Amino acid sequence: MAISFNSTVNGVPVIGEEFGYLSRGRDSQAQLLAPYYAYVFEPEPGIGEKKVVELVAAIRSGPLASLVEADEATEVRRKALKAQGAVDIK
């Protein structure tokens, strides 16, 4: 799903697109390094000044897709527990 730099998604301008490999970082329990697309959106006037980046897994089927889904689920659980006040175990 390639988006040109002059595109919009739901009326929001897409100002950049990158392809790369995502590793969640040092605060994450996720362990997988997988290919992802990153789409950069321009903020709407009056909403804020920070650009928004949406990450989309480039793998949609096959064995790696299951690993990506499990990795993302692990990260979602970690964030939910942290939001409830649990000690963040990495």
Protein backbone atom coordinates (compact mmCIF):
# COMPACT_ATOMS: atom_id res chain seq x y z
CA MET A 1 0.00 0.00 0.00
CA ALA A 2 2.18 2.82 -1.24
CA ILE A 3 0.92 6.36 -0.75
CA SER A 4 2.35 9.22 -2.78
CA PHE A 5 3.60 12.28 -0.93
CA ASN A 6 0.72 14.39 -2.28
CA SER A 7 -1.92 12.02 -0.89
CA THR A 8 -4.41 12.39 1.90
CA VAL A 9 -5.93 9.74 4.15
CA ASN A 10 -9.35 10.66 5.51
CA GLY A 11 -8.62 14.25 4.53
CA VAL A 12 -5.30 14.42 6.43
CA PRO A 13 -2.25 15.20 4.26
CA VAL A 14 0.45 12.52 4.08
CA ILE A 15 3.78 14.33 3.98
CA GLY A 16 6.13 11.35 4.04
CA GLU A 17 6.43 7.62 3.67
CA GLU A 18 9.33 5.40 4.72
CA PHE A 19 10.00 1.69 4.63
CA GLY A 20 12.26 0.13 7.22
CA TYR A 21 12.64 -2.41 9.99
CA LEU A 22 11.06 -1.75 13.36
CA SER A 23 12.41 -2.84 16.70
CA ARG A 24 10.26 -1.42 19.50
CA GLY A 25 13.14 -0.07 21.56
CA ARG A 26 14.59 -0.47 25.01
CA ASP A 27 11.30 0.07 26.87
CA SER A 28 9.55 -2.73 25.03
CA GLN A 29 9.13 -6.42 25.74
CA ALA A 30 8.74 -6.98 22.01
CA GLN A 31 11.63 -8.89 20.51
CA LEU A 32 10.91 -8.98 16.78
CA LEU A 33 12.67 -6.97 14.08
CA ALA A 34 10.16 -6.78 11.21
CA PRO A 35 9.53 -4.70 8.08
CA TYR A 36 7.13 -1.77 8.52
CA TYR A 37 5.89 1.24 6.60
CA ALA A 38 5.86 4.57 8.39
CA TYR A 39 3.43 7.23 7.18
CA VAL A 40 3.93 10.80 8.37
CA PHE A 41 0.83 13.00 8.63
CA GLU A 42 0.67 16.77 8.92
CA PRO A 43 -1.33 17.94 11.97
CA GLU A 44 -4.60 19.72 11.37
CA PRO A 45 -4.50 23.46 12.07
CA GLY A 46 -5.36 24.19 15.69
CA ILE A 47 -4.88 20.56 16.81
CA GLY A 48 -1.19 20.71 17.56
CA GLU A 49 2.18 21.17 15.99
CA LYS A 50 3.60 17.65 16.20
CA LYS A 51 3.54 15.46 13.15
CA VAL A 52 1.87 12.06 13.54
CA VAL A 53 3.59 8.84 12.45
CA GLU A 54 1.53 5.72 11.84
CA LEU A 55 3.35 2.39 11.65
CA VAL A 56 1.90 -0.39 9.48
CA ALA A 57 3.39 -3.86 9.31
CA ALA A 58 4.54 -4.70 5.78
CA ILE A 59 3.87 -8.41 6.34
CA ARG A 60 0.19 -9.36 5.97
CA SER A 61 0.25 -13.16 5.72
CA GLY A 62 2.38 -16.20 6.37
CA PRO A 63 4.37 -17.27 9.41
CA LEU A 64 6.01 -13.89 9.96
CA ALA A 65 2.60 -12.19 10.14
CA SER A 66 1.70 -14.34 13.15
CA LEU A 67 4.96 -13.36 14.84
CA VAL A 68 4.32 -9.66 14.14
CA GLU A 69 0.80 -9.92 15.62
CA ALA A 70 2.08 -11.72 18.72
CA ASP A 71 4.84 -9.14 19.14
CA GLU A 72 2.37 -6.27 18.89
CA ALA A 73 0.01 -7.98 21.37
CA THR A 74 2.88 -8.31 23.85
CA GLU A 75 3.56 -4.59 23.60
CA VAL A 76 -0.14 -3.69 24.00
CA ARG A 77 -0.32 -5.83 27.18
CA ARG A 78 2.84 -4.21 28.57
CA LYS A 79 1.44 -0.71 28.00
CA ALA A 80 -1.94 -1.63 29.54
CA LEU A 81 -0.30 -3.04 32.67
CA LYS A 82 1.96 0.00 32.96
CA ALA A 83 -1.08 2.31 32.66
CA GLN A 84 -2.67 0.41 35.57
CA GLY A 85 0.37 1.12 37.71
CA ALA A 86 2.22 -2.17 37.35
CA VAL A 87 5.99 -2.15 37.49
CA ASP A 88 7.33 -2.05 33.93
CA ILE A 89 9.21 -5.30 33.39
CA LYS A 90 11.37 -5.31 30.31
